[in-house]
Amino acid sequence: MKCGGTWEMLSKLFQIKTPTFIKTIVGFLEVVAPKMYDKWIAEYAGGNLGPHVPASPLCTYATDVTFQQSNRPSGSMAESMPWYSAKHKLYGFKVEVSVNPRGFHLSARRKADGDHRLPDNGPL
């Protein structure tokens, strides 16, 4: 299936209508997938799969990378190419943001008791 092509092409190969072919293959995979998981994954791990996310205070935030569009920088084409994204066909920046579970940026942390004269970086 991975290298076979589209559903339509494969259904024509087996001389079955496309919706019937899709329903048959999906039903087959729903039956076979749990058995394959038990045989190949659970047996290999010896029943010791463990938690998917470690319970660590360092893993309590999410990080996402997004594209921030901007204007084309002035100067020669060689100077502006580092800001060009061929994927988006736009000029911009790649922005990485990490947030805690409450939705605040990691730099926006609560100040300690003795830090009242420090500039505030966030809503807390």
N, C-alpha and C. Protein backbone atom coordinates (compact mmCIF):
# COMPACT_ATOMS: atom_id res chain seq x y z
N MET A 1 0.82 -1.19 0.00
CA MET A 1 0.00 0.00 0.00
C MET A 1 0.87 1.26 0.00
N LYS A 2 1.99 1.24 0.70
CA LYS A 2 2.77 2.45 0.83
C LYS A 2 3.26 2.93 -0.54
N CYS A 3 3.73 2.01 -1.37
CA CYS A 3 4.25 2.39 -2.67
C CYS A 3 3.26 2.06 -3.79
N GLY A 4 2.06 1.65 -3.44
CA GLY A 4 1.10 1.19 -4.44
C GLY A 4 0.43 2.28 -5.23
N GLY A 5 0.31 3.46 -4.69
CA GLY A 5 -0.37 4.53 -5.40
C GLY A 5 -1.65 4.93 -4.70
N THR A 6 -2.61 5.39 -5.48
CA THR A 6 -3.87 5.87 -4.92
C THR A 6 -4.83 4.71 -4.68
N TRP A 7 -5.88 4.99 -3.91
CA TRP A 7 -6.90 3.98 -3.65
C TRP A 7 -7.55 3.55 -4.96
N GLU A 8 -7.80 4.50 -5.86
CA GLU A 8 -8.47 4.20 -7.12
C GLU A 8 -7.64 3.23 -7.96
N MET A 9 -6.32 3.49 -8.04
CA MET A 9 -5.46 2.62 -8.83
C MET A 9 -5.43 1.21 -8.26
N LEU A 10 -5.33 1.10 -6.94
CA LEU A 10 -5.27 -0.23 -6.33
C LEU A 10 -6.60 -0.96 -6.45
N SER A 11 -7.71 -0.24 -6.35
CA SER A 11 -9.00 -0.91 -6.49
C SER A 11 -9.20 -1.42 -7.91
N LYS A 12 -8.71 -0.68 -8.90
CA LYS A 12 -8.79 -1.16 -10.29
C LYS A 12 -7.91 -2.38 -10.49
N LEU A 13 -6.80 -2.44 -9.78
CA LEU A 13 -5.90 -3.59 -9.88
C LEU A 13 -6.60 -4.87 -9.42
N PHE A 14 -7.43 -4.76 -8.37
CA PHE A 14 -8.16 -5.91 -7.84
C PHE A 14 -9.58 -6.01 -8.42
N GLN A 15 -9.93 -5.12 -9.34
CA GLN A 15 -11.24 -5.09 -10.01
C GLN A 15 -12.39 -5.01 -9.00
N ILE A 16 -12.25 -4.09 -8.04
CA ILE A 16 -13.26 -3.83 -7.02
C ILE A 16 -13.54 -2.33 -7.04
N LYS A 17 -14.77 -1.94 -6.73
CA LYS A 17 -15.08 -0.51 -6.65
C LYS A 17 -14.31 0.11 -5.49
N THR A 18 -13.92 1.36 -5.66
CA THR A 18 -13.05 2.04 -4.70
C THR A 18 -13.61 2.08 -3.28
N PRO A 19 -14.87 2.48 -3.04
CA PRO A 19 -15.37 2.52 -1.65
C PRO A 19 -15.36 1.14 -0.98
N THR A 20 -15.68 0.09 -1.75
CA THR A 20 -15.66 -1.27 -1.21
C THR A 20 -14.24 -1.68 -0.86
N PHE A 21 -13.29 -1.33 -1.72
CA PHE A 21 -11.89 -1.67 -1.48
C PHE A 21 -11.37 -0.98 -0.22
N ILE A 22 -11.68 0.31 -0.07
CA ILE A 22 -11.23 1.07 1.11
C ILE A 22 -11.82 0.46 2.38
N LYS A 23 -13.11 0.15 2.36
CA LYS A 23 -13.77 -0.41 3.54
C LYS A 23 -13.16 -1.77 3.90
N THR A 24 -12.85 -2.59 2.90
CA THR A 24 -12.25 -3.91 3.15
C THR A 24 -10.86 -3.78 3.76
N ILE A 25 -10.03 -2.93 3.19
CA ILE A 25 -8.65 -2.77 3.68
C ILE A 25 -8.64 -2.17 5.09
N VAL A 26 -9.45 -1.15 5.34
CA VAL A 26 -9.48 -0.53 6.66
C VAL A 26 -9.99 -1.51 7.70
N GLY A 27 -11.01 -2.29 7.37
CA GLY A 27 -11.51 -3.32 8.29
C GLY A 27 -10.46 -4.36 8.60
N PHE A 28 -9.71 -4.77 7.58
CA PHE A 28 -8.62 -5.74 7.78
C PHE A 28 -7.56 -5.17 8.72
N LEU A 29 -7.18 -3.92 8.51
CA LEU A 29 -6.16 -3.31 9.37
C LEU A 29 -6.64 -3.13 10.80
N GLU A 30 -7.94 -2.84 11.00
CA GLU A 30 -8.46 -2.71 12.36
C GLU A 30 -8.41 -4.04 13.11
N VAL A 31 -8.50 -5.16 12.40
CA VAL A 31 -8.42 -6.47 13.04
C VAL A 31 -6.97 -6.87 13.27
N VAL A 32 -6.11 -6.60 12.30
CA VAL A 32 -4.73 -7.09 12.36
C VAL A 32 -3.83 -6.21 13.22
N ALA A 33 -4.05 -4.89 13.25
CA ALA A 33 -3.14 -3.98 13.95
C ALA A 33 -2.95 -4.29 15.43
N PRO A 34 -4.00 -4.59 16.23
CA PRO A 34 -3.76 -4.92 17.63
C PRO A 34 -2.92 -6.19 17.81
N LYS A 35 -3.12 -7.17 16.93
CA LYS A 35 -2.34 -8.41 17.02
C LYS A 35 -0.89 -8.16 16.66
N MET A 36 -0.66 -7.33 15.67
CA MET A 36 0.72 -7.00 15.30
C MET A 36 1.40 -6.22 16.42
N TYR A 37 0.66 -5.32 17.08
CA TYR A 37 1.21 -4.57 18.20
C TYR A 37 1.61 -5.51 19.33
N ASP A 38 0.71 -6.46 19.68
CA ASP A 38 1.01 -7.41 20.75
C ASP A 38 2.22 -8.25 20.42
N LYS A 39 2.34 -8.67 19.18
CA LYS A 39 3.44 -9.56 18.80
C LYS A 39 4.76 -8.81 18.67
N TRP A 40 4.77 -7.68 18.00
CA TRP A 40 6.03 -7.02 17.68
C TRP A 40 6.46 -5.97 18.68
N ILE A 41 5.54 -5.29 19.34
CA ILE A 41 5.90 -4.21 20.26
C ILE A 41 5.89 -4.69 21.70
N ALA A 42 4.77 -5.22 22.15
CA ALA A 42 4.63 -5.60 23.56
C ALA A 42 5.57 -6.75 23.92
N GLU A 43 5.71 -7.75 23.05
CA GLU A 43 6.63 -8.85 23.34
C GLU A 43 8.07 -8.37 23.38
N TYR A 44 8.45 -7.50 22.45
CA TYR A 44 9.81 -7.00 22.39
C TYR A 44 10.15 -6.19 23.64
N ALA A 45 9.19 -5.42 24.11
CA ALA A 45 9.42 -4.60 25.30
C ALA A 45 9.31 -5.41 26.58
N GLY A 46 8.81 -6.62 26.49
CA GLY A 46 8.68 -7.47 27.67
C GLY A 46 7.64 -6.94 28.64
N GLY A 47 6.64 -6.25 28.16
CA GLY A 47 5.61 -5.70 29.03
C GLY A 47 6.06 -4.49 29.81
N ASN A 48 7.27 -4.00 29.56
CA ASN A 48 7.81 -2.85 30.29
C ASN A 48 7.88 -1.65 29.36
N LEU A 49 6.72 -1.17 28.92
CA LEU A 49 6.70 -0.02 28.04
C LEU A 49 6.91 1.28 28.79
N GLY A 50 6.49 1.33 30.06
CA GLY A 50 6.69 2.51 30.88
C GLY A 50 5.83 3.67 30.43
N PRO A 51 5.90 4.80 31.14
CA PRO A 51 5.10 5.96 30.74
C PRO A 51 5.65 6.58 29.46
N HIS A 52 4.77 7.16 28.67
CA HIS A 52 5.20 7.76 27.41
C HIS A 52 5.95 9.06 27.65
N VAL A 53 5.56 9.82 28.67
CA VAL A 53 6.23 11.07 29.00
C VAL A 53 6.80 10.93 30.40
N PRO A 54 8.09 11.15 30.56
CA PRO A 54 8.66 11.00 31.90
C PRO A 54 8.09 12.04 32.87
N ALA A 55 7.94 11.61 34.12
CA ALA A 55 7.42 12.51 35.16
C ALA A 55 8.57 13.33 35.71
N SER A 56 8.92 14.37 35.03
CA SER A 56 10.05 15.21 35.40
C SER A 56 9.61 16.67 35.35
N PRO A 57 10.06 17.49 36.29
CA PRO A 57 9.68 18.91 36.23
C PRO A 57 10.26 19.62 35.00
N LEU A 58 11.28 19.05 34.38
CA LEU A 58 11.85 19.66 33.19
C LEU A 58 10.97 19.46 31.97
N CYS A 59 10.05 18.50 32.04
CA CYS A 59 9.19 18.18 30.90
C CYS A 59 7.79 18.74 31.07
N THR A 60 7.65 19.85 31.74
CA THR A 60 6.32 20.39 32.00
C THR A 60 6.01 21.60 31.13
N TYR A 61 6.63 21.72 29.98
CA TYR A 61 6.31 22.81 29.08
C TYR A 61 6.32 22.30 27.64
N ALA A 62 5.66 23.01 26.77
CA ALA A 62 5.58 22.65 25.36
C ALA A 62 6.36 23.66 24.54
N THR A 63 6.99 23.19 23.49
CA THR A 63 7.75 24.04 22.59
C THR A 63 7.17 23.91 21.19
N ASP A 64 7.00 25.03 20.51
CA ASP A 64 6.49 25.02 19.15
C ASP A 64 7.32 25.98 18.31
N VAL A 65 7.48 25.64 17.05
CA VAL A 65 8.21 26.49 16.11
C VAL A 65 7.20 26.96 15.07
N THR A 66 7.19 28.24 14.81
CA THR A 66 6.26 28.80 13.83
C THR A 66 7.01 29.78 12.93
N PHE A 67 6.39 30.16 11.86
CA PHE A 67 6.99 31.10 10.91
C PHE A 67 6.33 32.45 11.06
N GLN A 68 7.12 33.49 11.29
CA GLN A 68 6.62 34.86 11.44
C GLN A 68 6.99 35.64 10.19
N GLN A 69 5.99 36.02 9.41
CA GLN A 69 6.22 36.74 8.17
C GLN A 69 6.73 38.14 8.45
N SER A 70 7.62 38.63 7.58
CA SER A 70 8.12 40.00 7.70
C SER A 70 8.39 40.54 6.29
N ASN A 71 8.77 41.80 6.22
CA ASN A 71 9.12 42.40 4.93
C ASN A 71 10.52 41.95 4.52
N ARG A 72 10.80 42.06 3.23
CA ARG A 72 12.12 41.68 2.73
C ARG A 72 13.15 42.69 3.24
N PRO A 73 14.25 42.19 3.82
CA PRO A 73 15.29 43.11 4.29
C PRO A 73 15.93 43.84 3.11
N SER A 74 16.35 45.07 3.36
CA SER A 74 17.01 45.82 2.29
C SER A 74 18.43 45.30 2.12
N GLY A 75 18.99 45.57 0.98
CA GLY A 75 20.33 45.11 0.69
C GLY A 75 20.34 44.17 -0.50
N SER A 76 21.47 43.53 -0.70
CA SER A 76 21.60 42.63 -1.84
C SER A 76 20.81 41.35 -1.62
N MET A 77 20.65 40.59 -2.69
CA MET A 77 19.92 39.33 -2.61
C MET A 77 20.63 38.36 -1.68
N ALA A 78 21.96 38.36 -1.67
CA ALA A 78 22.72 37.47 -0.80
C ALA A 78 22.48 37.79 0.67
N GLU A 79 22.30 39.08 0.99
CA GLU A 79 22.04 39.46 2.37
C GLU A 79 20.63 39.10 2.82
N SER A 80 19.67 39.08 1.91
CA SER A 80 18.28 38.82 2.30
C SER A 80 17.90 37.34 2.21
N MET A 81 18.71 36.50 1.60
CA MET A 81 18.35 35.09 1.44
C MET A 81 18.23 34.32 2.75
N PRO A 82 19.01 34.62 3.80
CA PRO A 82 18.80 33.86 5.04
C PRO A 82 17.40 34.04 5.64
N TRP A 83 16.68 35.10 5.26
CA TRP A 83 15.34 35.33 5.78
C TRP A 83 14.25 34.85 4.84
N TYR A 84 14.63 34.21 3.72
CA TYR A 84 13.63 33.73 2.75
C TYR A 84 13.30 32.28 3.05
N SER A 85 12.02 31.96 3.07
CA SER A 85 11.56 30.59 3.28
C SER A 85 11.01 30.06 1.96
N ALA A 86 11.69 29.08 1.37
CA ALA A 86 11.21 28.50 0.12
C ALA A 86 9.92 27.73 0.35
N LYS A 87 9.76 27.18 1.54
CA LYS A 87 8.55 26.43 1.86
C LYS A 87 7.33 27.34 1.83
N HIS A 88 7.43 28.52 2.44
CA HIS A 88 6.31 29.45 2.52
C HIS A 88 6.32 30.47 1.38
N LYS A 89 7.44 30.55 0.65
CA LYS A 89 7.64 31.53 -0.42
C LYS A 89 7.45 32.96 0.11
N LEU A 90 7.97 33.19 1.32
CA LEU A 90 7.86 34.49 1.97
C LEU A 90 9.16 34.78 2.71
N TYR A 91 9.36 36.04 3.07
CA TYR A 91 10.45 36.42 3.94
C TYR A 91 9.93 36.43 5.37
N GLY A 92 10.78 36.00 6.31
CA GLY A 92 10.35 36.01 7.69
C GLY A 92 11.36 35.36 8.60
N PHE A 93 10.90 35.05 9.81
CA PHE A 93 11.75 34.49 10.85
C PHE A 93 11.15 33.18 11.34
N LYS A 94 12.00 32.27 11.74
CA LYS A 94 11.53 31.07 12.42
C LYS A 94 11.53 31.37 13.91
N VAL A 95 10.36 31.26 14.54
CA VAL A 95 10.20 31.63 15.94
C VAL A 95 9.93 30.38 16.76
N GLU A 96 10.71 30.18 17.82
CA GLU A 96 10.51 29.05 18.73
C GLU A 96 10.01 29.60 20.07
N VAL A 97 8.88 29.07 20.52
CA VAL A 97 8.26 29.55 21.76
C VAL A 97 8.01 28.37 22.68
N SER A 98 8.37 28.51 23.95
CA SER A 98 8.09 27.49 24.96
C SER A 98 7.13 28.07 25.98
N VAL A 99 6.07 27.31 26.30
CA VAL A 99 5.08 27.76 27.26
C VAL A 99 4.90 26.72 28.35
N ASN A 100 4.53 27.19 29.55
CA ASN A 100 4.24 26.27 30.65
C ASN A 100 2.79 25.80 30.54
N PRO A 101 2.35 24.85 31.37
CA PRO A 101 0.98 24.34 31.26
C PRO A 101 -0.11 25.40 31.43
N ARG A 102 0.20 26.51 32.08
CA ARG A 102 -0.80 27.57 32.27
C ARG A 102 -0.88 28.49 31.07
N GLY A 103 -0.02 28.29 30.08
CA GLY A 103 -0.08 29.07 28.85
C GLY A 103 0.80 30.30 28.82
N PHE A 104 1.68 30.48 29.80
CA PHE A 104 2.56 31.64 29.82
C PHE A 104 3.92 31.27 29.26
N HIS A 105 4.56 32.24 28.60
CA HIS A 105 5.90 32.05 28.07
C HIS A 105 6.86 31.77 29.22
N LEU A 106 7.88 30.95 28.98
CA LEU A 106 8.78 30.54 30.07
C LEU A 106 9.54 31.71 30.69
N SER A 107 9.73 32.80 29.95
CA SER A 107 10.44 33.93 30.56
C SER A 107 9.53 34.72 31.51
N ALA A 108 8.22 34.45 31.48
CA ALA A 108 7.28 35.16 32.35
C ALA A 108 7.07 34.35 33.62
N ARG A 109 8.02 34.43 34.53
CA ARG A 109 7.95 33.66 35.78
C ARG A 109 7.67 34.61 36.94
N ARG A 110 7.15 34.05 38.01
CA ARG A 110 6.86 34.83 39.21
C ARG A 110 8.18 35.26 39.87
N LYS A 111 8.21 36.51 40.34
CA LYS A 111 9.40 37.02 41.00
C LYS A 111 9.49 36.47 42.42
N ALA A 112 10.71 36.32 42.89
CA ALA A 112 10.93 35.87 44.26
C ALA A 112 10.65 37.03 45.22
N ASP A 113 10.62 36.73 46.52
CA ASP A 113 10.28 37.74 47.52
C ASP A 113 11.23 38.94 47.50
N GLY A 114 12.51 38.73 47.31
CA GLY A 114 13.48 39.82 47.35
C GLY A 114 13.67 40.52 46.02
N ASP A 115 12.90 40.17 45.00
CA ASP A 115 13.11 40.70 43.65
C ASP A 115 12.07 41.75 43.25
N HIS A 116 11.59 42.56 44.18
CA HIS A 116 10.52 43.50 43.86
C HIS A 116 10.98 44.65 42.98
N ARG A 117 12.27 44.94 42.95
CA ARG A 117 12.75 46.06 42.15
C ARG A 117 13.20 45.64 40.76
N LEU A 118 13.10 44.37 40.45
CA LEU A 118 13.49 43.90 39.13
C LEU A 118 12.38 44.20 38.12
N PRO A 119 12.73 44.44 36.85
CA PRO A 119 11.68 44.70 35.85
C PRO A 119 10.83 43.45 35.63
N ASP A 120 9.56 43.68 35.39
CA ASP A 120 8.62 42.58 35.22
C ASP A 120 8.63 42.12 33.77
N ASN A 121 8.77 40.80 33.55
CA ASN A 121 8.80 40.25 32.20
C ASN A 121 7.49 39.60 31.80
N GLY A 122 6.49 39.62 32.63
CA GLY A 122 5.27 38.92 32.26
C GLY A 122 4.09 39.30 33.12
N PRO A 123 2.97 38.61 32.93
CA PRO A 123 1.75 38.97 33.63
C PRO A 123 1.70 38.55 35.09
N LEU A 124 2.66 37.80 35.57
CA LEU A 124 2.60 37.34 36.96
C LEU A 124 3.29 38.30 37.87
